[in-house]
Amino acid sequence: LVRRQLKVMTLSIGDGANDVSMIQAADVGIGISGQDGM
């Protein structure tokens, strides 16, 4: 929604499997390795 409507670059940060779709939807995705897996 932010990418489409505001036409800005997005950055998503996540640390688990539930953040994968958000990371892939963003222009730049940052993954944090931790206890939730890789």
PDB file of all heavy atoms in Angstrom:
ATOM      1  N   LEU A   1       0.830  -1.202   0.000  1.00  0.00           N
ATOM      2  CA  LEU A   1       0.000   0.000   0.000  1.00  0.00           C
ATOM      3  C   LEU A   1       0.869   1.258   0.000  1.00  0.00           C
ATOM      4  O   LEU A   1       0.632   2.196  -0.776  1.00  0.00           O
ATOM      5  CB  LEU A   1      -0.925  -0.001   1.220  1.00  0.00           C
ATOM      6  CG  LEU A   1      -1.784   1.235   1.425  1.00  0.00           C
ATOM      7  CD1 LEU A   1      -2.840   1.334   0.347  1.00  0.00           C
ATOM      8  CD2 LEU A   1      -2.423   1.203   2.804  1.00  0.00           C
ATOM      9  N   VAL A   2       1.885   1.289   0.836  1.00  0.00           N
ATOM     10  CA  VAL A   2       2.775   2.442   0.903  1.00  0.00           C
ATOM     11  C   VAL A   2       3.532   2.613  -0.406  1.00  0.00           C
ATOM     12  O   VAL A   2       3.658   3.727  -0.928  1.00  0.00           O
ATOM     13  CB  VAL A   2       3.735   2.315   2.110  1.00  0.00           C
ATOM     14  CG1 VAL A   2       4.822   3.367   2.064  1.00  0.00           C
ATOM     15  CG2 VAL A   2       2.957   2.401   3.407  1.00  0.00           C
ATOM     16  N   ARG A   3       4.027   1.530  -0.977  1.00  0.00           N
ATOM     17  CA  ARG A   3       4.746   1.601  -2.247  1.00  0.00           C
ATOM     18  C   ARG A   3       3.845   2.097  -3.366  1.00  0.00           C
ATOM     19  O   ARG A   3       4.241   2.928  -4.185  1.00  0.00           O
ATOM     20  CB  ARG A   3       5.296   0.228  -2.636  1.00  0.00           C
ATOM     21  CG  ARG A   3       6.577  -0.140  -1.957  1.00  0.00           C
ATOM     22  CD  ARG A   3       7.103  -1.451  -2.436  1.00  0.00           C
ATOM     23  NE  ARG A   3       7.509  -1.340  -3.837  1.00  0.00           N
ATOM     24  CZ  ARG A   3       7.831  -2.378  -4.588  1.00  0.00           C
ATOM     25  NH1 ARG A   3       7.776  -3.589  -4.097  1.00  0.00           N
ATOM     26  NH2 ARG A   3       8.205  -2.207  -5.821  1.00  0.00           N
ATOM     27  N   ARG A   4       2.650   1.575  -3.432  1.00  0.00           N
ATOM     28  CA  ARG A   4       1.734   1.890  -4.539  1.00  0.00           C
ATOM     29  C   ARG A   4       1.185   3.314  -4.441  1.00  0.00           C
ATOM     30  O   ARG A   4       1.194   4.057  -5.406  1.00  0.00           O
ATOM     31  CB  ARG A   4       0.604   0.872  -4.568  1.00  0.00           C
ATOM     32  CG  ARG A   4      -0.356   1.049  -5.731  1.00  0.00           C
ATOM     33  CD  ARG A   4      -1.476   0.023  -5.721  1.00  0.00           C
ATOM     34  NE  ARG A   4      -2.312   0.164  -4.526  1.00  0.00           N
ATOM     35  CZ  ARG A   4      -2.447  -0.753  -3.587  1.00  0.00           C
ATOM     36  NH1 ARG A   4      -1.797  -1.898  -3.686  1.00  0.00           N
ATOM     37  NH2 ARG A   4      -3.216  -0.555  -2.534  1.00  0.00           N
ATOM     38  N   GLN A   5       0.728   3.699  -3.268  1.00  0.00           N
ATOM     39  CA  GLN A   5       0.053   4.988  -3.126  1.00  0.00           C
ATOM     40  C   GLN A   5       1.029   6.159  -2.976  1.00  0.00           C
ATOM     41  O   GLN A   5       0.812   7.208  -3.570  1.00  0.00           O
ATOM     42  CB  GLN A   5      -0.890   4.961  -1.912  1.00  0.00           C
ATOM     43  CG  GLN A   5      -2.016   3.973  -2.035  1.00  0.00           C
ATOM     44  CD  GLN A   5      -3.009   4.352  -3.125  1.00  0.00           C
ATOM     45  OE1 GLN A   5      -3.171   5.508  -3.460  1.00  0.00           O
ATOM     46  NE2 GLN A   5      -3.674   3.352  -3.671  1.00  0.00           N
ATOM     47  N   LEU A   6       2.060   5.995  -2.192  1.00  0.00           N
ATOM     48  CA  LEU A   6       2.988   7.100  -1.942  1.00  0.00           C
ATOM     49  C   LEU A   6       4.139   7.141  -2.927  1.00  0.00           C
ATOM     50  O   LEU A   6       4.877   8.130  -2.977  1.00  0.00           O
ATOM     51  CB  LEU A   6       3.525   7.026  -0.510  1.00  0.00           C
ATOM     52  CG  LEU A   6       2.492   7.100   0.605  1.00  0.00           C
ATOM     53  CD1 LEU A   6       3.162   7.031   1.958  1.00  0.00           C
ATOM     54  CD2 LEU A   6       1.664   8.369   0.478  1.00  0.00           C
ATOM     55  N   LYS A   7       4.350   6.043  -3.660  1.00  0.00           N
ATOM     56  CA  LYS A   7       5.433   5.945  -4.640  1.00  0.00           C
ATOM     57  C   LYS A   7       6.794   6.288  -4.017  1.00  0.00           C
ATOM     58  O   LYS A   7       7.535   7.138  -4.507  1.00  0.00           O
ATOM     59  CB  LYS A   7       5.144   6.836  -5.846  1.00  0.00           C
ATOM     60  CG  LYS A   7       3.923   6.379  -6.615  1.00  0.00           C
ATOM     61  CD  LYS A   7       3.674   7.225  -7.811  1.00  0.00           C
ATOM     62  CE  LYS A   7       2.493   6.807  -8.629  1.00  0.00           C
ATOM     63  NZ  LYS A   7       1.381   6.188  -8.035  1.00  0.00           N
ATOM     64  N   VAL A   8       7.078   5.625  -2.905  1.00  0.00           N
ATOM     65  CA  VAL A   8       8.345   5.790  -2.202  1.00  0.00           C
ATOM     66  C   VAL A   8       9.046   4.438  -2.117  1.00  0.00           C
ATOM     67  O   VAL A   8       8.436   3.390  -2.344  1.00  0.00           O
ATOM     68  CB  VAL A   8       8.129   6.353  -0.774  1.00  0.00           C
ATOM     69  CG1 VAL A   8       7.595   7.758  -0.822  1.00  0.00           C
ATOM     70  CG2 VAL A   8       7.228   5.459   0.042  1.00  0.00           C
ATOM     71  N   MET A   9      10.330   4.478  -1.800  1.00  0.00           N
ATOM     72  CA  MET A   9      11.064   3.232  -1.571  1.00  0.00           C
ATOM     73  C   MET A   9      10.760   2.737  -0.170  1.00  0.00           C
ATOM     74  O   MET A   9      10.677   3.528   0.774  1.00  0.00           O
ATOM     75  CB  MET A   9      12.564   3.447  -1.732  1.00  0.00           C
ATOM     76  CG  MET A   9      12.994   3.617  -3.160  1.00  0.00           C
ATOM     77  SD  MET A   9      14.773   3.498  -3.324  1.00  0.00           S
ATOM     78  CE  MET A   9      15.021   1.783  -2.962  1.00  0.00           C
ATOM     79  N   THR A  10      10.604   1.441  -0.045  1.00  0.00           N
ATOM     80  CA  THR A  10      10.276   0.860   1.255  1.00  0.00           C
ATOM     81  C   THR A  10      11.395  -0.070   1.708  1.00  0.00           C
ATOM     82  O   THR A  10      12.069  -0.695   0.896  1.00  0.00           O
ATOM     83  CB  THR A  10       8.961   0.074   1.184  1.00  0.00           C
ATOM     84  OG1 THR A  10       9.056  -0.902   0.154  1.00  0.00           O
ATOM     85  CG2 THR A  10       7.799   1.005   0.899  1.00  0.00           C
ATOM     86  N   LEU A  11      11.558  -0.146   3.015  1.00  0.00           N
ATOM     87  CA  LEU A  11      12.532  -1.018   3.636  1.00  0.00           C
ATOM     88  C   LEU A  11      11.805  -1.815   4.703  1.00  0.00           C
ATOM     89  O   LEU A  11      11.110  -1.237   5.540  1.00  0.00           O
ATOM     90  CB  LEU A  11      13.661  -0.200   4.272  1.00  0.00           C
ATOM     91  CG  LEU A  11      14.669  -1.015   5.060  1.00  0.00           C
ATOM     92  CD1 LEU A  11      16.022  -0.921   4.404  1.00  0.00           C
ATOM     93  CD2 LEU A  11      14.748  -0.513   6.472  1.00  0.00           C
ATOM     94  N   SER A  12      11.945  -3.131   4.647  1.00  0.00           N
ATOM     95  CA  SER A  12      11.309  -3.989   5.647  1.00  0.00           C
ATOM     96  C   SER A  12      12.380  -4.748   6.404  1.00  0.00           C
ATOM     97  O   SER A  12      13.345  -5.235   5.822  1.00  0.00           O
ATOM     98  CB  SER A  12      10.361  -4.985   4.982  1.00  0.00           C
ATOM     99  OG  SER A  12       9.279  -4.312   4.414  1.00  0.00           O
ATOM    100  N   ILE A  13      12.161  -4.866   7.706  1.00  0.00           N
ATOM    101  CA  ILE A  13      13.095  -5.568   8.578  1.00  0.00           C
ATOM    102  C   ILE A  13      12.316  -6.645   9.308  1.00  0.00           C
ATOM    103  O   ILE A  13      11.258  -6.382   9.878  1.00  0.00           O
ATOM    104  CB  ILE A  13      13.724  -4.609   9.598  1.00  0.00           C
ATOM    105  CG1 ILE A  13      14.384  -3.438   8.878  1.00  0.00           C
ATOM    106  CG2 ILE A  13      14.731  -5.333  10.471  1.00  0.00           C
ATOM    107  CD1 ILE A  13      14.746  -2.309   9.786  1.00  0.00           C
ATOM    108  N   GLY A  14      12.833  -7.867   9.274  1.00  0.00           N
ATOM    109  CA  GLY A  14      12.161  -8.958   9.958  1.00  0.00           C
ATOM    110  C   GLY A  14      13.145  -9.973  10.485  1.00  0.00           C
ATOM    111  O   GLY A  14      14.280 -10.056  10.038  1.00  0.00           O
ATOM    112  N   ASP A  15      12.662 -10.780  11.436  1.00  0.00           N
ATOM    113  CA  ASP A  15      13.549 -11.771  12.047  1.00  0.00           C
ATOM    114  C   ASP A  15      12.990 -13.185  12.026  1.00  0.00           C
ATOM    115  O   ASP A  15      13.615 -14.096  12.556  1.00  0.00           O
ATOM    116  CB  ASP A  15      13.876 -11.379  13.485  1.00  0.00           C
ATOM    117  CG  ASP A  15      12.650 -11.388  14.384  1.00  0.00           C
ATOM    118  OD1 ASP A  15      11.525 -11.438  13.866  1.00  0.00           O
ATOM    119  OD2 ASP A  15      12.833 -11.347  15.614  1.00  0.00           O
ATOM    120  N   GLY A  16      11.842 -13.382  11.420  1.00  0.00           N
ATOM    121  CA  GLY A  16      11.260 -14.721  11.451  1.00  0.00           C
ATOM    122  C   GLY A  16      10.521 -15.060  10.173  1.00  0.00           C
ATOM    123  O   GLY A  16      10.438 -14.274   9.233  1.00  0.00           O
ATOM    124  N   ALA A  17       9.949 -16.257  10.158  1.00  0.00           N
ATOM    125  CA  ALA A  17       9.237 -16.737   8.977  1.00  0.00           C
ATOM    126  C   ALA A  17       7.984 -15.918   8.699  1.00  0.00           C
ATOM    127  O   ALA A  17       7.560 -15.794   7.548  1.00  0.00           O
ATOM    128  CB  ALA A  17       8.864 -18.208   9.161  1.00  0.00           C
ATOM    129  N   ASN A  18       7.390 -15.320   9.735  1.00  0.00           N
ATOM    130  CA  ASN A  18       6.181 -14.524   9.523  1.00  0.00           C
ATOM    131  C   ASN A  18       6.483 -13.185   8.854  1.00  0.00           C
ATOM    132  O   ASN A  18       5.568 -12.483   8.447  1.00  0.00           O
ATOM    133  CB  ASN A  18       5.449 -14.294  10.846  1.00  0.00           C
ATOM    134  CG  ASN A  18       6.313 -13.587  11.863  1.00  0.00           C
ATOM    135  OD1 ASN A  18       7.533 -13.519  11.729  1.00  0.00           O
ATOM    136  ND2 ASN A  18       5.683 -13.059  12.889  1.00  0.00           N
ATOM    137  N   ASP A  19       7.751 -12.816   8.702  1.00  0.00           N
ATOM    138  CA  ASP A  19       8.128 -11.559   8.072  1.00  0.00           C
ATOM    139  C   ASP A  19       8.575 -11.722   6.621  1.00  0.00           C
ATOM    140  O   ASP A  19       8.898 -10.737   5.964  1.00  0.00           O
ATOM    141  CB  ASP A  19       9.267 -10.900   8.864  1.00  0.00           C
ATOM    142  CG  ASP A  19       8.866 -10.567  10.274  1.00  0.00           C
ATOM    143  OD1 ASP A  19       7.710 -10.145  10.468  1.00  0.00           O
ATOM    144  OD2 ASP A  19       9.695 -10.730  11.191  1.00  0.00           O
ATOM    145  N   VAL A  20       8.583 -12.935   6.101  1.00  0.00           N
ATOM    146  CA  VAL A  20       9.106 -13.192   4.760  1.00  0.00           C
ATOM    147  C   VAL A  20       8.307 -12.457   3.697  1.00  0.00           C
ATOM    148  O   VAL A  20       8.877 -11.819   2.806  1.00  0.00           O
ATOM    149  CB  VAL A  20       9.155 -14.711   4.481  1.00  0.00           C
ATOM    150  CG1 VAL A  20       9.445 -14.988   3.021  1.00  0.00           C
ATOM    151  CG2 VAL A  20      10.205 -15.372   5.354  1.00  0.00           C
ATOM    152  N   SER A  21       6.986 -12.498   3.753  1.00  0.00           N
ATOM    153  CA  SER A  21       6.185 -11.830   2.723  1.00  0.00           C
ATOM    154  C   SER A  21       6.376 -10.318   2.769  1.00  0.00           C
ATOM    155  O   SER A  21       6.390  -9.660   1.728  1.00  0.00           O
ATOM    156  CB  SER A  21       4.713 -12.192   2.884  1.00  0.00           C
ATOM    157  OG  SER A  21       4.234 -11.788   4.147  1.00  0.00           O
ATOM    158  N   MET A  22       6.546  -9.751   3.942  1.00  0.00           N
ATOM    159  CA  MET A  22       6.792  -8.316   4.077  1.00  0.00           C
ATOM    160  C   MET A  22       8.158  -7.951   3.502  1.00  0.00           C
ATOM    161  O   MET A  22       8.289  -6.950   2.793  1.00  0.00           O
ATOM    162  CB  MET A  22       6.724  -7.924   5.556  1.00  0.00           C
ATOM    163  CG  MET A  22       7.108  -6.504   5.843  1.00  0.00           C
ATOM    164  SD  MET A  22       7.166  -6.121   7.599  1.00  0.00           S
ATOM    165  CE  MET A  22       8.487  -7.176   8.167  1.00  0.00           C
ATOM    166  N   ILE A  23       9.161  -8.764   3.763  1.00  0.00           N
ATOM    167  CA  ILE A  23      10.511  -8.512   3.262  1.00  0.00           C
ATOM    168  C   ILE A  23      10.530  -8.583   1.740  1.00  0.00           C
ATOM    169  O   ILE A  23      11.160  -7.771   1.066  1.00  0.00           O
ATOM    170  CB  ILE A  23      11.513  -9.500   3.890  1.00  0.00           C
ATOM    171  CG1 ILE A  23      11.708  -9.162   5.363  1.00  0.00           C
ATOM    172  CG2 ILE A  23      12.838  -9.498   3.159  1.00  0.00           C
ATOM    173  CD1 ILE A  23      12.513 -10.181   6.134  1.00  0.00           C
ATOM    174  N   GLN A  24       9.821  -9.554   1.183  1.00  0.00           N
ATOM    175  CA  GLN A  24       9.800  -9.697  -0.263  1.00  0.00           C
ATOM    176  C   GLN A  24       8.972  -8.621  -0.947  1.00  0.00           C
ATOM    177  O   GLN A  24       9.213  -8.304  -2.104  1.00  0.00           O
ATOM    178  CB  GLN A  24       9.280 -11.083  -0.639  1.00  0.00           C
ATOM    179  CG  GLN A  24      10.252 -12.182  -0.283  1.00  0.00           C
ATOM    180  CD  GLN A  24       9.703 -13.566  -0.567  1.00  0.00           C
ATOM    181  OE1 GLN A  24       8.509 -13.757  -0.678  1.00  0.00           O
ATOM    182  NE2 GLN A  24      10.601 -14.535  -0.675  1.00  0.00           N
ATOM    183  N   ALA A  25       8.005  -8.034  -0.262  1.00  0.00           N
ATOM    184  CA  ALA A  25       7.179  -6.976  -0.848  1.00  0.00           C
ATOM    185  C   ALA A  25       7.900  -5.637  -0.879  1.00  0.00           C
ATOM    186  O   ALA A  25       7.564  -4.778  -1.682  1.00  0.00           O
ATOM    187  CB  ALA A  25       5.870  -6.849  -0.080  1.00  0.00           C
ATOM    188  N   ALA A  26       8.899  -5.443  -0.040  1.00  0.00           N
ATOM    189  CA  ALA A  26       9.606  -4.166   0.049  1.00  0.00           C
ATOM    190  C   ALA A  26      10.678  -4.056  -1.033  1.00  0.00           C
ATOM    191  O   ALA A  26      11.096  -5.052  -1.631  1.00  0.00           O
ATOM    192  CB  ALA A  26      10.243  -4.029   1.426  1.00  0.00           C
ATOM    193  N   ASP A  27      11.118  -2.818  -1.270  1.00  0.00           N
ATOM    194  CA  ASP A  27      12.212  -2.596  -2.211  1.00  0.00           C
ATOM    195  C   ASP A  27      13.520  -3.157  -1.663  1.00  0.00           C
ATOM    196  O   ASP A  27      14.301  -3.744  -2.399  1.00  0.00           O
ATOM    197  CB  ASP A  27      12.376  -1.102  -2.489  1.00  0.00           C
ATOM    198  CG  ASP A  27      11.196  -0.536  -3.251  1.00  0.00           C
ATOM    199  OD1 ASP A  27      10.821  -1.122  -4.276  1.00  0.00           O
ATOM    200  OD2 ASP A  27      10.637   0.482  -2.808  1.00  0.00           O
ATOM    201  N   VAL A  28      13.751  -2.942  -0.384  1.00  0.00           N
ATOM    202  CA  VAL A  28      14.946  -3.455   0.283  1.00  0.00           C
ATOM    203  C   VAL A  28      14.488  -4.240   1.499  1.00  0.00           C
ATOM    204  O   VAL A  28      13.720  -3.745   2.309  1.00  0.00           O
ATOM    205  CB  VAL A  28      15.885  -2.310   0.716  1.00  0.00           C
ATOM    206  CG1 VAL A  28      17.097  -2.866   1.438  1.00  0.00           C
ATOM    207  CG2 VAL A  28      16.310  -1.475  -0.470  1.00  0.00           C
ATOM    208  N   GLY A  29      14.962  -5.473   1.600  1.00  0.00           N
ATOM    209  CA  GLY A  29      14.610  -6.314   2.730  1.00  0.00           C
ATOM    210  C   GLY A  29      15.829  -6.646   3.558  1.00  0.00           C
ATOM    211  O   GLY A  29      16.881  -6.990   3.022  1.00  0.00           O
ATOM    212  N   ILE A  30      15.682  -6.531   4.864  1.00  0.00           N
ATOM    213  CA  ILE A  30      16.774  -6.848   5.788  1.00  0.00           C
ATOM    214  C   ILE A  30      16.296  -7.938   6.725  1.00  0.00           C
ATOM    215  O   ILE A  30      15.256  -7.805   7.371  1.00  0.00           O
ATOM    216  CB  ILE A  30      17.204  -5.601   6.590  1.00  0.00           C
ATOM    217  CG1 ILE A  30      17.719  -4.532   5.644  1.00  0.00           C
ATOM    218  CG2 ILE A  30      18.267  -5.967   7.607  1.00  0.00           C
ATOM    219  CD1 ILE A  30      18.080  -3.237   6.319  1.00  0.00           C
ATOM    220  N   GLY A  31      17.049  -9.016   6.767  1.00  0.00           N
ATOM    221  CA  GLY A  31      16.728 -10.121   7.651  1.00  0.00           C
ATOM    222  C   GLY A  31      17.664 -10.140   8.844  1.00  0.00           C
ATOM    223  O   GLY A  31      18.872  -9.951   8.700  1.00  0.00           O
ATOM    224  N   ILE A  32      17.099 -10.379  10.001  1.00  0.00           N
ATOM    225  CA  ILE A  32      17.888 -10.475  11.226  1.00  0.00           C
ATOM    226  C   ILE A  32      17.932 -11.933  11.633  1.00  0.00           C
ATOM    227  O   ILE A  32      16.896 -12.545  11.869  1.00  0.00           O
ATOM    228  CB  ILE A  32      17.277  -9.621  12.352  1.00  0.00           C
ATOM    229  CG1 ILE A  32      17.181  -8.161  11.911  1.00  0.00           C
ATOM    230  CG2 ILE A  32      18.096  -9.747  13.628  1.00  0.00           C
ATOM    231  CD1 ILE A  32      16.460  -7.279  12.898  1.00  0.00           C
ATOM    232  N   SER A  33      19.132 -12.482  11.681  1.00  0.00           N
ATOM    233  CA  SER A  33      19.263 -13.878  12.097  1.00  0.00           C
ATOM    234  C   SER A  33      19.121 -13.945  13.602  1.00  0.00           C
ATOM    235  O   SER A  33      19.695 -13.149  14.335  1.00  0.00           O
ATOM    236  CB  SER A  33      20.613 -14.443  11.648  1.00  0.00           C
ATOM    237  OG  SER A  33      21.663 -13.712  12.213  1.00  0.00           O
ATOM    238  N   GLY A  34      18.336 -14.892  14.035  1.00  0.00           N
ATOM    239  CA  GLY A  34      18.104 -14.976  15.473  1.00  0.00           C
ATOM    240  C   GLY A  34      17.506 -16.298  15.866  1.00  0.00           C
ATOM    241  O   GLY A  34      17.695 -17.316  15.199  1.00  0.00           O
ATOM    242  N   GLN A  35      16.723 -16.259  16.943  1.00  0.00           N
ATOM    243  CA  GLN A  35      16.155 -17.473  17.499  1.00  0.00           C
ATOM    244  C   GLN A  35      14.981 -17.990  16.677  1.00  0.00           C
ATOM    245  O   GLN A  35      14.603 -19.149  16.807  1.00  0.00           O
ATOM    246  CB  GLN A  35      15.701 -17.201  18.930  1.00  0.00           C
ATOM    247  CG  GLN A  35      16.854 -16.828  19.839  1.00  0.00           C
ATOM    248  CD  GLN A  35      16.360 -16.422  21.218  1.00  0.00           C
ATOM    249  OE1 GLN A  35      15.176 -16.285  21.449  1.00  0.00           O
ATOM    250  NE2 GLN A  35      17.299 -16.228  22.135  1.00  0.00           N
ATOM    251  N   ASP A  36      14.378 -17.138  15.861  1.00  0.00           N
ATOM    252  CA  ASP A  36      13.217 -17.561  15.088  1.00  0.00           C
ATOM    253  C   ASP A  36      13.573 -18.309  13.811  1.00  0.00           C
ATOM    254  O   ASP A  36      12.690 -18.644  13.037  1.00  0.00           O
ATOM    255  CB  ASP A  36      12.365 -16.337  14.721  1.00  0.00           C
ATOM    256  CG  ASP A  36      11.731 -15.715  15.951  1.00  0.00           C
ATOM    257  OD1 ASP A  36      11.634 -16.411  16.978  1.00  0.00           O
ATOM    258  OD2 ASP A  36      11.330 -14.548  15.871  1.00  0.00           O
ATOM    259  N   GLY A  37      14.835 -18.510  13.555  1.00  0.00           N
ATOM    260  CA  GLY A  37      15.247 -19.250  12.372  1.00  0.00           C
ATOM    261  C   GLY A  37      15.882 -18.355  11.326  1.00  0.00           C
ATOM    262  O   GLY A  37      16.140 -17.182  11.557  1.00  0.00           O
ATOM    263  N   MET A  38      16.124 -18.938  10.166  1.00  0.00           N
ATOM    264  CA  MET A  38      16.836 -18.233   9.106  1.00  0.00           C
ATOM    265  C   MET A  38      15.943 -17.903   7.911  1.00  0.00           C
ATOM    266  O   MET A  38      16.446 -17.515   6.867  1.00  0.00           O
ATOM    267  CB  MET A  38      18.015 -19.098   8.644  1.00  0.00           C
ATOM    268  CG  MET A  38      19.060 -19.340   9.705  1.00  0.00           C
ATOM    269  SD  MET A  38      19.929 -17.851  10.188  1.00  0.00           S
ATOM    270  CE  MET A  38      20.952 -17.601   8.777  1.00  0.00           C
TER     271      MET A  38
END
